[in-house]
Amino acid sequence: MASVSAGKPTLYGSLTRRGLSTDGVPDITASEGFVVREVTKKSILISCPHENVSTKFLAPYTTFSRIHQKSITCLDISSGGGLGVSTSTDGTMKIWQAANGEIRRLLEGHVYDVNCCRFFPSGLVVLSGGMDAQLKIWSAEDASCVVTFKGHKGGILDTAIVERGRNVLSCSRDGTARLWDCGKSACLGVLADCGSPINGIAVGAADDSVNLGTPENPPSEREIGTEGKILLLAREDKKLQGVGLQSRQPRVKGSEVFTSPSPSSKGKGVGKPQVLKVLQDHPGQQDTSIWLSRFNSMWRVKIEWSRYSPRLGGKGLAADSLQPCSSAGGTVRRE
């Protein structure tokens, strides 16, 4: 294990299990510089007093190893928590019961790999994007594809949903981010064309102190819920860019965090301090530097995953809920 702080040497350490107690709880000690604060059958709390930090590690609550046969590339959980959807390099996209991993639906229609998937807020509809440059909307009830969006010239790498889902967003290897109208199955506009693949996007509300810019043309009446929203782009060229969702303005004034990601960057005047997105330091690569972007700050966290089975993705739920995550080993875990 390691403790990493910006501008300071990395502190490395190890854990040693000395045995088990009579009730099955492991007896664990830490090397110099680290302290084992609490151990249970399912968790361990480690602290680094020198850096005044601590982390609690949780064992998987359940592991579903039969949903996919190869690496899982994306997953999501429905708003009610009852269903999960995931994609894999085995070429499949499946809907399954979150309680027991039972497969409910197989979503077929993309050509080549499916890169991303997510539930609409209703929990009854799924949005997906694939290497075939197509964005698709599916019924979770009967697995039918109800809408297909075409317009990207490269594989779709991530998606986002605006409010209740009348408009959706996508980003692609072609370097563009697009806004779509679900009702008309049409593209409402290219929000960004940055000349570099866009690996991830996230959308959220900004407060009045942020200058999101003014639209050059009146917004379409088909745009629903875009006013006052900011779109973040995680670019392959290592830039985190902010765009006014309605204005289409490529740079958000008043917040350096969206144009120059660094551990010491401090954004100003942007909404509530909630995490919008987890972005890799080198997006699209399996390194272990992760940027956590808040509305009012940004910092980097160094995480050491297993070399042979990296965790590829996860979807956060409420603070007291289980968090599903995926790994290159082809398993889905509830943590």
C-alpha atoms as a PDB file:
ATOM      1  CA  MET A   1       0.000   0.000   0.000  1.00  0.00           C
ATOM      2  CA  ALA A   2       1.057   3.612  -0.445  1.00  0.00           C
ATOM      3  CA  SER A   3       0.159   7.104   0.718  1.00  0.00           C
ATOM      4  CA  VAL A   4       0.585   9.765  -1.962  1.00  0.00           C
ATOM      5  CA  SER A   5       0.494  13.519  -1.361  1.00  0.00           C
ATOM      6  CA  ALA A   6       1.245  16.226  -3.913  1.00  0.00           C
ATOM      7  CA  GLY A   7       4.812  17.494  -3.620  1.00  0.00           C
ATOM      8  CA  LYS A   8       5.831  14.899  -1.010  1.00  0.00           C
ATOM      9  CA  PRO A   9       7.662  11.566  -1.244  1.00  0.00           C
ATOM     10  CA  THR A  10       5.384   8.553  -1.486  1.00  0.00           C
ATOM     11  CA  LEU A  11       5.174   6.540   1.723  1.00  0.00           C
ATOM     12  CA  TYR A  12       5.038   2.779   1.126  1.00  0.00           C
ATOM     13  CA  GLY A  13       3.969   0.115   3.581  1.00  0.00           C
ATOM     14  CA  SER A  14       2.553  -3.382   3.956  1.00  0.00           C
ATOM     15  CA  LEU A  15       0.014  -5.355   5.960  1.00  0.00           C
ATOM     16  CA  THR A  16       0.676  -8.642   7.749  1.00  0.00           C
ATOM     17  CA  ARG A  17      -1.948 -11.115   8.933  1.00  0.00           C
ATOM     18  CA  ARG A  18      -0.843 -12.835  12.121  1.00  0.00           C
ATOM     19  CA  GLY A  19      -3.852 -15.093  12.517  1.00  0.00           C
ATOM     20  CA  LEU A  20      -7.590 -15.253  13.189  1.00  0.00           C
ATOM     21  CA  SER A  21      -9.564 -14.527  16.312  1.00  0.00           C
ATOM     22  CA  THR A  22     -12.053 -17.064  17.670  1.00  0.00           C
ATOM     23  CA  ASP A  23     -14.907 -15.300  15.857  1.00  0.00           C
ATOM     24  CA  GLY A  24     -13.094 -15.309  12.509  1.00  0.00           C
ATOM     25  CA  VAL A  25     -11.799 -11.721  12.455  1.00  0.00           C
ATOM     26  CA  PRO A  26      -8.222 -11.496  11.092  1.00  0.00           C
ATOM     27  CA  ASP A  27      -5.446 -10.100  13.290  1.00  0.00           C
ATOM     28  CA  ILE A  28      -3.649  -7.602  11.046  1.00  0.00           C
ATOM     29  CA  THR A  29      -0.704  -5.296  11.684  1.00  0.00           C
ATOM     30  CA  ALA A  30       0.737  -2.536   9.507  1.00  0.00           C
ATOM     31  CA  SER A  31       4.339  -1.606   8.812  1.00  0.00           C
ATOM     32  CA  GLU A  32       5.918   1.612  10.053  1.00  0.00           C
ATOM     33  CA  GLY A  33       4.039   4.752   9.059  1.00  0.00           C
ATOM     34  CA  PHE A  34       0.626   3.084   8.925  1.00  0.00           C
ATOM     35  CA  VAL A  35      -1.865   2.057  11.613  1.00  0.00           C
ATOM     36  CA  VAL A  36      -4.665  -0.530  11.488  1.00  0.00           C
ATOM     37  CA  ARG A  37      -7.540   1.255  13.214  1.00  0.00           C
ATOM     38  CA  GLU A  38     -10.345  -1.255  12.817  1.00  0.00           C
ATOM     39  CA  VAL A  39     -10.805  -4.751  11.397  1.00  0.00           C
ATOM     40  CA  THR A  40     -14.008  -6.711  10.792  1.00  0.00           C
ATOM     41  CA  LYS A  41     -14.812  -9.730   8.627  1.00  0.00           C
ATOM     42  CA  LYS A  42     -15.761  -7.414   5.772  1.00  0.00           C
ATOM     43  CA  SER A  43     -13.657  -4.267   6.215  1.00  0.00           C
ATOM     44  CA  ILE A  44     -10.366  -2.820   7.376  1.00  0.00           C
ATOM     45  CA  LEU A  45      -9.634   0.798   8.329  1.00  0.00           C
ATOM     46  CA  ILE A  46      -6.047   1.953   7.691  1.00  0.00           C
ATOM     47  CA  SER A  47      -4.620   5.340   8.636  1.00  0.00           C
ATOM     48  CA  CYS A  48      -1.404   7.205   7.909  1.00  0.00           C
ATOM     49  CA  PRO A  49      -0.903   9.510  10.928  1.00  0.00           C
ATOM     50  CA  HIS A  50       1.962  11.400   9.283  1.00  0.00           C
ATOM     51  CA  GLU A  51      -0.360  12.573   6.488  1.00  0.00           C
ATOM     52  CA  ASN A  52      -3.480  12.660   8.692  1.00  0.00           C
ATOM     53  CA  VAL A  53      -5.432  10.474   6.254  1.00  0.00           C
ATOM     54  CA  SER A  54      -7.319   7.201   6.528  1.00  0.00           C
ATOM     55  CA  THR A  55      -9.061   4.789   4.164  1.00  0.00           C
ATOM     56  CA  LYS A  56     -11.600   2.053   4.779  1.00  0.00           C
ATOM     57  CA  PHE A  57     -11.356  -0.968   2.475  1.00  0.00           C
ATOM     58  CA  LEU A  58     -14.484  -3.062   1.960  1.00  0.00           C
ATOM     59  CA  ALA A  59     -14.678  -6.674   0.842  1.00  0.00           C
ATOM     60  CA  PRO A  60     -17.186  -7.446  -1.934  1.00  0.00           C
ATOM     61  CA  TYR A  61     -20.674  -8.094  -0.607  1.00  0.00           C
ATOM     62  CA  THR A  62     -21.508 -10.301  -3.578  1.00  0.00           C
ATOM     63  CA  THR A  63     -19.639 -11.347  -6.717  1.00  0.00           C
ATOM     64  CA  PHE A  64     -21.486 -12.155  -9.954  1.00  0.00           C
ATOM     65  CA  SER A  65     -19.037 -14.145 -12.072  1.00  0.00           C
ATOM     66  CA  ARG A  66     -21.436 -15.628 -14.637  1.00  0.00           C
ATOM     67  CA  ILE A  67     -22.864 -12.499 -16.235  1.00  0.00           C
ATOM     68  CA  HIS A  68     -19.938 -12.003 -18.622  1.00  0.00           C
ATOM     69  CA  GLN A  69     -17.074 -14.174 -19.854  1.00  0.00           C
ATOM     70  CA  LYS A  70     -14.536 -11.389 -20.484  1.00  0.00           C
ATOM     71  CA  SER A  71     -13.592  -7.917 -19.247  1.00  0.00           C
ATOM     72  CA  ILE A  72     -16.465  -5.665 -18.203  1.00  0.00           C
ATOM     73  CA  THR A  73     -16.176  -2.208 -19.735  1.00  0.00           C
ATOM     74  CA  CYS A  74     -19.125  -0.348 -18.210  1.00  0.00           C
ATOM     75  CA  LEU A  75     -22.039  -0.823 -15.827  1.00  0.00           C
ATOM     76  CA  ASP A  76     -24.897   1.036 -14.186  1.00  0.00           C
ATOM     77  CA  ILE A  77     -27.649   0.423 -11.642  1.00  0.00           C
ATOM     78  CA  SER A  78     -31.271   1.533 -12.061  1.00  0.00           C
ATOM     79  CA  SER A  79     -32.574   4.350  -9.869  1.00  0.00           C
ATOM     80  CA  GLY A  80     -34.558   1.903  -7.766  1.00  0.00           C
ATOM     81  CA  GLY A  81     -31.553  -0.379  -7.321  1.00  0.00           C
ATOM     82  CA  GLY A  82     -33.312  -3.453  -8.673  1.00  0.00           C
ATOM     83  CA  LEU A  83     -31.607  -3.853 -12.044  1.00  0.00           C
ATOM     84  CA  GLY A  84     -28.077  -3.632 -13.373  1.00  0.00           C
ATOM     85  CA  VAL A  85     -26.831  -3.235 -16.933  1.00  0.00           C
ATOM     86  CA  SER A  86     -23.296  -3.980 -18.102  1.00  0.00           C
ATOM     87  CA  THR A  87     -21.191  -4.284 -21.238  1.00  0.00           C
ATOM     88  CA  SER A  88     -18.220  -6.516 -21.914  1.00  0.00           C
ATOM     89  CA  THR A  89     -15.460  -7.252 -24.400  1.00  0.00           C
ATOM     90  CA  ASP A  90     -17.225 -10.563 -24.958  1.00  0.00           C
ATOM     91  CA  GLY A  91     -19.505  -8.476 -27.207  1.00  0.00           C
ATOM     92  CA  THR A  92     -22.584  -8.542 -24.989  1.00  0.00           C
ATOM     93  CA  MET A  93     -24.729  -6.033 -23.122  1.00  0.00           C
ATOM     94  CA  LYS A  94     -26.966  -7.522 -20.458  1.00  0.00           C
ATOM     95  CA  ILE A  95     -29.573  -6.456 -17.915  1.00  0.00           C
ATOM     96  CA  TRP A  96     -29.514  -8.411 -14.667  1.00  0.00           C
ATOM     97  CA  GLN A  97     -31.055  -8.550 -11.212  1.00  0.00           C
ATOM     98  CA  ALA A  98     -28.933  -6.538  -8.782  1.00  0.00           C
ATOM     99  CA  ALA A  99     -29.918  -8.828  -5.910  1.00  0.00           C
ATOM    100  CA  ASN A 100     -28.663 -12.111  -7.338  1.00  0.00           C
ATOM    101  CA  GLY A 101     -27.075 -11.505 -10.757  1.00  0.00           C
ATOM    102  CA  GLU A 102     -29.813 -13.347 -12.667  1.00  0.00           C
ATOM    103  CA  ILE A 103     -29.739 -12.266 -16.324  1.00  0.00           C
ATOM    104  CA  ARG A 104     -33.025 -10.683 -17.390  1.00  0.00           C
ATOM    105  CA  ARG A 105     -32.378  -9.315 -20.878  1.00  0.00           C
ATOM    106  CA  LEU A 106     -29.759  -9.517 -23.625  1.00  0.00           C
ATOM    107  CA  LEU A 107     -29.550  -6.260 -25.606  1.00  0.00           C
ATOM    108  CA  GLU A 108     -28.423  -7.006 -29.167  1.00  0.00           C
ATOM    109  CA  GLY A 109     -28.062  -4.554 -32.040  1.00  0.00           C
ATOM    110  CA  HIS A 110     -24.681  -2.841 -31.859  1.00  0.00           C
ATOM    111  CA  VAL A 111     -21.960  -3.830 -34.310  1.00  0.00           C
ATOM    112  CA  TYR A 112     -18.587  -4.445 -32.612  1.00  0.00           C
ATOM    113  CA  ASP A 113     -18.017  -3.611 -28.939  1.00  0.00           C
ATOM    114  CA  VAL A 114     -20.416  -1.638 -26.745  1.00  0.00           C
ATOM    115  CA  ASN A 115     -18.389   0.914 -24.780  1.00  0.00           C
ATOM    116  CA  CYS A 116     -20.895   2.500 -22.414  1.00  0.00           C
ATOM    117  CA  CYS A 117     -24.344   2.003 -20.930  1.00  0.00           C
ATOM    118  CA  ARG A 118     -26.589   3.704 -18.386  1.00  0.00           C
ATOM    119  CA  PHE A 119     -30.167   3.699 -17.171  1.00  0.00           C
ATOM    120  CA  PHE A 120     -32.512   6.621 -17.687  1.00  0.00           C
ATOM    121  CA  PRO A 121     -33.888   8.067 -14.419  1.00  0.00           C
ATOM    122  CA  SER A 122     -37.058   5.988 -14.870  1.00  0.00           C
ATOM    123  CA  GLY A 123     -35.058   2.773 -14.584  1.00  0.00           C
ATOM    124  CA  LEU A 124     -37.055   1.320 -17.478  1.00  0.00           C
ATOM    125  CA  VAL A 125     -34.897   2.513 -20.378  1.00  0.00           C
ATOM    126  CA  VAL A 126     -31.187   2.065 -21.180  1.00  0.00           C
ATOM    127  CA  LEU A 127     -28.855   4.315 -23.195  1.00  0.00           C
ATOM    128  CA  SER A 128     -25.794   2.765 -24.856  1.00  0.00           C
ATOM    129  CA  GLY A 129     -22.957   3.770 -27.161  1.00  0.00           C
ATOM    130  CA  GLY A 130     -20.672   1.562 -29.221  1.00  0.00           C
ATOM    131  CA  MET A 131     -17.662   1.350 -31.484  1.00  0.00           C
ATOM    132  CA  ASP A 132     -20.098   1.358 -34.409  1.00  0.00           C
ATOM    133  CA  ALA A 133     -20.557   5.125 -33.742  1.00  0.00           C
ATOM    134  CA  GLN A 134     -24.204   4.529 -32.879  1.00  0.00           C
ATOM    135  CA  LEU A 135     -26.119   5.670 -29.812  1.00  0.00           C
ATOM    136  CA  LYS A 136     -29.089   3.460 -28.926  1.00  0.00           C
ATOM    137  CA  ILE A 137     -32.046   3.568 -26.534  1.00  0.00           C
ATOM    138  CA  TRP A 138     -33.453   0.264 -25.279  1.00  0.00           C
ATOM    139  CA  SER A 139     -36.502  -0.918 -23.389  1.00  0.00           C
ATOM    140  CA  ALA A 140     -35.422  -2.728 -20.230  1.00  0.00           C
ATOM    141  CA  GLU A 141     -38.780  -4.529 -20.233  1.00  0.00           C
ATOM    142  CA  ASP A 142     -38.576  -6.332 -23.587  1.00  0.00           C
ATOM    143  CA  ALA A 143     -34.995  -5.584 -24.817  1.00  0.00           C
ATOM    144  CA  SER A 144     -36.253  -3.784 -27.937  1.00  0.00           C
ATOM    145  CA  CYS A 145     -34.194  -0.952 -29.450  1.00  0.00           C
ATOM    146  CA  VAL A 146     -36.598   1.980 -29.697  1.00  0.00           C
ATOM    147  CA  VAL A 147     -34.232   4.695 -30.996  1.00  0.00           C
ATOM    148  CA  THR A 148     -30.905   4.748 -32.848  1.00  0.00           C
ATOM    149  CA  PHE A 149     -28.906   7.971 -33.206  1.00  0.00           C
ATOM    150  CA  LYS A 150     -26.352   8.326 -36.006  1.00  0.00           C
ATOM    151  CA  GLY A 151     -23.952  11.195 -36.631  1.00  0.00           C
ATOM    152  CA  HIS A 152     -20.671  10.437 -34.900  1.00  0.00           C
ATOM    153  CA  LYS A 153     -17.771   9.374 -37.107  1.00  0.00           C
ATOM    154  CA  GLY A 154     -15.960   7.382 -34.446  1.00  0.00           C
ATOM    155  CA  GLY A 155     -16.755   5.054 -31.588  1.00  0.00           C
ATOM    156  CA  ILE A 156     -18.875   6.506 -28.782  1.00  0.00           C
ATOM    157  CA  LEU A 157     -16.982   6.487 -25.477  1.00  0.00           C
ATOM    158  CA  ASP A 158     -19.422   7.936 -22.937  1.00  0.00           C
ATOM    159  CA  THR A 159     -22.935   9.290 -22.502  1.00  0.00           C
ATOM    160  CA  ALA A 160     -24.895  11.526 -20.142  1.00  0.00           C
ATOM    161  CA  ILE A 161     -28.581  12.215 -19.609  1.00  0.00           C
ATOM    162  CA  VAL A 162     -30.060  15.694 -19.174  1.00  0.00           C
ATOM    163  CA  GLU A 163     -32.578  15.754 -16.321  1.00  0.00           C
ATOM    164  CA  ARG A 164     -35.390  13.230 -16.975  1.00  0.00           C
ATOM    165  CA  GLY A 165     -34.029  12.178 -20.353  1.00  0.00           C
ATOM    166  CA  ARG A 166     -35.758  14.072 -23.149  1.00  0.00           C
ATOM    167  CA  ASN A 167     -32.249  15.110 -24.224  1.00  0.00           C
ATOM    168  CA  VAL A 168     -29.101  12.984 -23.994  1.00  0.00           C
ATOM    169  CA  LEU A 169     -25.400  13.629 -24.592  1.00  0.00           C
ATOM    170  CA  SER A 170     -22.592  11.609 -26.130  1.00  0.00           C
ATOM    171  CA  CYS A 171     -18.862  11.914 -26.784  1.00  0.00           C
ATOM    172  CA  SER A 172     -16.710  10.090 -29.271  1.00  0.00           C
ATOM    173  CA  ARG A 173     -13.297   9.193 -30.599  1.00  0.00           C
ATOM    174  CA  ASP A 174     -14.049  11.667 -33.395  1.00  0.00           C
ATOM    175  CA  GLY A 175     -13.410  14.494 -30.904  1.00  0.00           C
ATOM    176  CA  THR A 176     -16.986  15.745 -30.691  1.00  0.00           C
ATOM    177  CA  ALA A 177     -19.665  15.923 -28.022  1.00  0.00           C
ATOM    178  CA  ARG A 178     -23.266  16.009 -29.237  1.00  0.00           C
ATOM    179  CA  LEU A 179     -26.708  16.822 -27.843  1.00  0.00           C
ATOM    180  CA  TRP A 180     -29.606  14.615 -28.992  1.00  0.00           C
ATOM    181  CA  ASP A 181     -33.394  14.867 -28.976  1.00  0.00           C
ATOM    182  CA  CYS A 182     -34.879  11.506 -27.998  1.00  0.00           C
ATOM    183  CA  GLY A 183     -38.389  12.310 -29.225  1.00  0.00           C
ATOM    184  CA  LYS A 184     -37.290  13.211 -32.764  1.00  0.00           C
ATOM    185  CA  SER A 185     -34.245  10.909 -32.911  1.00  0.00           C
ATOM    186  CA  ALA A 186     -32.222  13.905 -34.060  1.00  0.00           C
ATOM    187  CA  CYS A 187     -28.971  15.689 -33.239  1.00  0.00           C
ATOM    188  CA  LEU A 188     -29.619  19.129 -31.752  1.00  0.00           C
ATOM    189  CA  GLY A 189     -26.043  20.279 -32.078  1.00  0.00           C
ATOM    190  CA  VAL A 190     -22.330  19.623 -31.797  1.00  0.00           C
ATOM    191  CA  LEU A 191     -21.341  21.043 -28.411  1.00  0.00           C
ATOM    192  CA  ALA A 192     -17.598  20.629 -28.828  1.00  0.00           C
ATOM    193  CA  ASP A 193     -15.183  19.687 -31.588  1.00  0.00           C
ATOM    194  CA  CYS A 194     -11.783  19.643 -29.939  1.00  0.00           C
ATOM    195  CA  GLY A 195      -9.716  17.569 -32.355  1.00  0.00           C
ATOM    196  CA  SER A 196      -8.927  14.989 -29.671  1.00  0.00           C
ATOM    197  CA  PRO A 197     -10.949  11.941 -28.593  1.00  0.00           C
ATOM    198  CA  ILE A 198     -13.290  12.701 -25.688  1.00  0.00           C
ATOM    199  CA  ASN A 199     -13.150   9.792 -23.245  1.00  0.00           C
ATOM    200  CA  GLY A 200     -15.728  10.893 -20.699  1.00  0.00           C
ATOM    201  CA  ILE A 201     -18.435  13.489 -20.078  1.00  0.00           C
ATOM    202  CA  ALA A 202     -20.516  14.668 -17.132  1.00  0.00           C
ATOM    203  CA  VAL A 203     -23.265  17.274 -16.869  1.00  0.00           C
ATOM    204  CA  GLY A 204     -24.431  19.276 -13.862  1.00  0.00           C
ATOM    205  CA  ALA A 205     -25.993  22.561 -12.769  1.00  0.00           C
ATOM    206  CA  ALA A 206     -23.859  25.667 -12.186  1.00  0.00           C
ATOM    207  CA  ASP A 207     -24.827  28.598  -9.975  1.00  0.00           C
ATOM    208  CA  ASP A 208     -25.335  32.189 -11.111  1.00  0.00           C
ATOM    209  CA  SER A 209     -21.742  33.214 -10.396  1.00  0.00           C
ATOM    210  CA  VAL A 210     -20.447  31.149 -13.320  1.00  0.00           C
ATOM    211  CA  ASN A 211     -20.470  32.788 -16.733  1.00  0.00           C
ATOM    212  CA  LEU A 212     -21.693  30.015 -19.023  1.00  0.00           C
ATOM    213  CA  GLY A 213     -21.840  32.327 -22.021  1.00  0.00           C
ATOM    214  CA  THR A 214     -24.728  33.393 -24.230  1.00  0.00           C
ATOM    215  CA  PRO A 215     -26.027  31.291 -27.146  1.00  0.00           C
ATOM    216  CA  GLU A 216     -25.198  32.777 -30.549  1.00  0.00           C
ATOM    217  CA  ASN A 217     -28.548  31.494 -31.807  1.00  0.00           C
ATOM    218  CA  PRO A 218     -31.831  30.919 -29.927  1.00  0.00           C
ATOM    219  CA  PRO A 219     -31.953  27.373 -28.500  1.00  0.00           C
ATOM    220  CA  SER A 220     -34.230  24.859 -30.190  1.00  0.00           C
ATOM    221  CA  GLU A 221     -37.610  24.327 -28.577  1.00  0.00           C
ATOM    222  CA  ARG A 222     -36.586  20.675 -28.431  1.00  0.00           C
ATOM    223  CA  GLU A 223     -33.852  21.464 -25.907  1.00  0.00           C
ATOM    224  CA  ILE A 224     -35.187  20.606 -22.468  1.00  0.00           C
ATOM    225  CA  GLY A 225     -33.263  21.400 -19.283  1.00  0.00           C
ATOM    226  CA  THR A 226     -30.050  22.690 -20.868  1.00  0.00           C
ATOM    227  CA  GLU A 227     -30.190  26.171 -19.339  1.00  0.00           C
ATOM    228  CA  GLY A 228     -27.753  26.744 -16.490  1.00  0.00           C
ATOM    229  CA  LYS A 229     -25.940  23.459 -17.100  1.00  0.00           C
ATOM    230  CA  ILE A 230     -22.226  22.869 -17.533  1.00  0.00           C
ATOM    231  CA  LEU A 231     -20.770  19.973 -19.518  1.00  0.00           C
ATOM    232  CA  LEU A 232     -17.349  18.569 -18.601  1.00  0.00           C
ATOM    233  CA  LEU A 233     -15.196  16.849 -21.212  1.00  0.00           C
ATOM    234  CA  ALA A 234     -12.366  14.444 -20.328  1.00  0.00           C
ATOM    235  CA  ARG A 235     -10.101  14.676 -23.355  1.00  0.00           C
ATOM    236  CA  GLU A 236      -7.434  12.278 -24.610  1.00  0.00           C
ATOM    237  CA  ASP A 237      -4.936  15.165 -24.734  1.00  0.00           C
ATOM    238  CA  LYS A 238      -5.056  15.324 -20.901  1.00  0.00           C
ATOM    239  CA  LYS A 239      -7.335  18.355 -20.733  1.00  0.00           C
ATOM    240  CA  LEU A 240     -10.499  18.691 -18.667  1.00  0.00           C
ATOM    241  CA  GLN A 241     -12.710  21.202 -20.481  1.00  0.00           C
ATOM    242  CA  GLY A 242     -15.920  22.942 -19.467  1.00  0.00           C
ATOM    243  CA  VAL A 243     -18.658  23.876 -21.962  1.00  0.00           C
ATOM    244  CA  GLY A 244     -21.867  25.826 -21.412  1.00  0.00           C
ATOM    245  CA  LEU A 245     -24.507  23.263 -22.368  1.00  0.00           C
ATOM    246  CA  GLN A 246     -26.976  25.752 -23.812  1.00  0.00           C
ATOM    247  CA  SER A 247     -24.506  28.413 -24.980  1.00  0.00           C
ATOM    248  CA  ARG A 248     -22.074  25.943 -26.607  1.00  0.00           C
ATOM    249  CA  GLN A 249     -19.266  28.188 -25.342  1.00  0.00           C
ATOM    250  CA  PRO A 250     -16.102  26.055 -25.189  1.00  0.00           C
ATOM    251  CA  ARG A 251     -14.527  27.707 -22.122  1.00  0.00           C
ATOM    252  CA  VAL A 252     -16.178  28.570 -18.854  1.00  0.00           C
ATOM    253  CA  LYS A 253     -14.912  31.875 -17.487  1.00  0.00           C
ATOM    254  CA  GLY A 254     -14.205  32.157 -13.787  1.00  0.00           C
ATOM    255  CA  SER A 255     -12.932  28.649 -13.133  1.00  0.00           C
ATOM    256  CA  GLU A 256      -9.391  27.586 -14.020  1.00  0.00           C
ATOM    257  CA  VAL A 257     -10.128  24.026 -12.928  1.00  0.00           C
ATOM    258  CA  PHE A 258     -11.858  23.257 -16.214  1.00  0.00           C
ATOM    259  CA  THR A 259      -8.911  24.180 -18.440  1.00  0.00           C
ATOM    260  CA  SER A 260      -5.813  23.381 -16.388  1.00  0.00           C
ATOM    261  CA  PRO A 261      -6.163  20.287 -14.207  1.00  0.00           C
ATOM    262  CA  SER A 262      -3.591  20.155 -11.429  1.00  0.00           C
ATOM    263  CA  PRO A 263      -3.687  19.050  -7.804  1.00  0.00           C
ATOM    264  CA  SER A 264      -3.523  22.655  -6.602  1.00  0.00           C
ATOM    265  CA  SER A 265      -6.130  24.117  -8.984  1.00  0.00           C
ATOM    266  CA  LYS A 266      -9.066  25.799  -7.285  1.00  0.00           C
ATOM    267  CA  GLY A 267     -12.249  26.508  -9.185  1.00  0.00           C
ATOM    268  CA  LYS A 268     -14.325  29.527  -8.268  1.00  0.00           C
ATOM    269  CA  GLY A 269     -18.019  30.117  -8.270  1.00  0.00           C
ATOM    270  CA  VAL A 270     -19.348  26.785  -9.435  1.00  0.00           C
ATOM    271  CA  GLY A 271     -22.390  25.242  -7.697  1.00  0.00           C
ATOM    272  CA  LYS A 272     -22.308  22.730  -4.891  1.00  0.00           C
ATOM    273  CA  PRO A 273     -19.095  20.832  -4.055  1.00  0.00           C
ATOM    274  CA  GLN A 274     -20.239  17.471  -5.374  1.00  0.00           C
ATOM    275  CA  VAL A 275     -18.172  15.041  -7.419  1.00  0.00           C
ATOM    276  CA  LEU A 276     -19.161  15.164 -11.075  1.00  0.00           C
ATOM    277  CA  LYS A 277     -16.887  12.571 -12.584  1.00  0.00           C
ATOM    278  CA  VAL A 278     -13.916  10.354 -11.964  1.00  0.00           C
ATOM    279  CA  LEU A 279     -11.359  11.003 -14.698  1.00  0.00           C
ATOM    280  CA  GLN A 280      -8.066   9.247 -15.343  1.00  0.00           C
ATOM    281  CA  ASP A 281      -4.939  11.389 -15.471  1.00  0.00           C
ATOM    282  CA  HIS A 282      -4.271   9.914 -18.920  1.00  0.00           C
ATOM    283  CA  PRO A 283      -7.841   9.249 -20.089  1.00  0.00           C
ATOM    284  CA  GLY A 284      -8.292   6.080 -22.072  1.00  0.00           C
ATOM    285  CA  GLN A 285      -5.256   4.369 -20.594  1.00  0.00           C
ATOM    286  CA  GLN A 286      -5.121   1.903 -17.702  1.00  0.00           C
ATOM    287  CA  ASP A 287      -2.789   3.877 -15.464  1.00  0.00           C
ATOM    288  CA  THR A 288      -3.617   4.485 -11.819  1.00  0.00           C
ATOM    289  CA  SER A 289      -3.784   8.258 -11.562  1.00  0.00           C
ATOM    290  CA  ILE A 290      -7.335   9.425 -11.042  1.00  0.00           C
ATOM    291  CA  TRP A 291      -8.609  12.989 -10.979  1.00  0.00           C
ATOM    292  CA  LEU A 292     -11.591  13.748  -8.778  1.00  0.00           C
ATOM    293  CA  SER A 293     -13.311  16.901 -10.009  1.00  0.00           C
ATOM    294  CA  ARG A 294     -15.525  18.812  -7.631  1.00  0.00           C
ATOM    295  CA  PHE A 295     -17.436  21.930  -8.467  1.00  0.00           C
ATOM    296  CA  ASN A 296     -15.018  23.969  -6.364  1.00  0.00           C
ATOM    297  CA  SER A 297     -11.759  22.035  -6.368  1.00  0.00           C
ATOM    298  CA  MET A 298      -9.717  19.325  -8.043  1.00  0.00           C
ATOM    299  CA  TRP A 299      -7.188  16.863  -6.713  1.00  0.00           C
ATOM    300  CA  ARG A 300      -5.480  13.656  -7.710  1.00  0.00           C
ATOM    301  CA  VAL A 301      -5.666  10.300  -5.972  1.00  0.00           C
ATOM    302  CA  LYS A 302      -3.199   7.493  -6.603  1.00  0.00           C
ATOM    303  CA  ILE A 303      -4.788   4.056  -6.502  1.00  0.00           C
ATOM    304  CA  GLU A 304      -2.919   0.764  -6.895  1.00  0.00           C
ATOM    305  CA  TRP A 305      -5.136  -1.824  -8.602  1.00  0.00           C
ATOM    306  CA  SER A 306      -4.141  -5.420  -9.210  1.00  0.00           C
ATOM    307  CA  ARG A 307      -1.954  -5.629 -12.289  1.00  0.00           C
ATOM    308  CA  TYR A 308      -3.830  -8.616 -13.663  1.00  0.00           C
ATOM    309  CA  SER A 309      -7.353  -7.572 -12.809  1.00  0.00           C
ATOM    310  CA  PRO A 310      -7.752  -3.782 -12.804  1.00  0.00           C
ATOM    311  CA  ARG A 311     -11.050  -2.317 -11.739  1.00  0.00           C
ATOM    312  CA  LEU A 312     -12.415  -0.793 -14.935  1.00  0.00           C
ATOM    313  CA  GLY A 313     -15.435   1.105 -13.770  1.00  0.00           C
ATOM    314  CA  GLY A 314     -17.984   1.779 -11.093  1.00  0.00           C
ATOM    315  CA  LYS A 315     -21.154   3.729 -10.456  1.00  0.00           C
ATOM    316  CA  GLY A 316     -21.621   5.630  -7.229  1.00  0.00           C
ATOM    317  CA  LEU A 317     -24.874   5.407  -5.301  1.00  0.00           C
ATOM    318  CA  ALA A 318     -26.003   7.124  -2.133  1.00  0.00           C
ATOM    319  CA  ALA A 319     -23.498   7.311   0.704  1.00  0.00           C
ATOM    320  CA  ASP A 320     -25.131   4.431   2.579  1.00  0.00           C
ATOM    321  CA  SER A 321     -25.730   2.239  -0.479  1.00  0.00           C
ATOM    322  CA  LEU A 322     -23.739  -0.557  -2.054  1.00  0.00           C
ATOM    323  CA  GLN A 323     -21.499   0.387  -4.966  1.00  0.00           C
ATOM    324  CA  PRO A 324     -21.204  -1.931  -7.956  1.00  0.00           C
ATOM    325  CA  CYS A 325     -17.849  -2.057  -9.727  1.00  0.00           C
ATOM    326  CA  SER A 326     -16.311  -4.069 -12.534  1.00  0.00           C
ATOM    327  CA  SER A 327     -12.918  -5.573 -13.270  1.00  0.00           C
ATOM    328  CA  ALA A 328     -10.935  -6.927 -16.184  1.00  0.00           C
ATOM    329  CA  GLY A 329     -11.462 -10.369 -14.705  1.00  0.00           C
ATOM    330  CA  GLY A 330     -15.036 -10.348 -16.004  1.00  0.00           C
ATOM    331  CA  THR A 331     -16.781 -10.039 -12.642  1.00  0.00           C
ATOM    332  CA  VAL A 332     -19.292  -7.616 -11.186  1.00  0.00           C
ATOM    333  CA  ARG A 333     -19.040  -6.924  -7.457  1.00  0.00           C
ATOM    334  CA  ARG A 334     -21.258  -5.130  -4.985  1.00  0.00           C
ATOM    335  CA  GLU A 335     -19.045  -3.308  -2.473  1.00  0.00           C
END
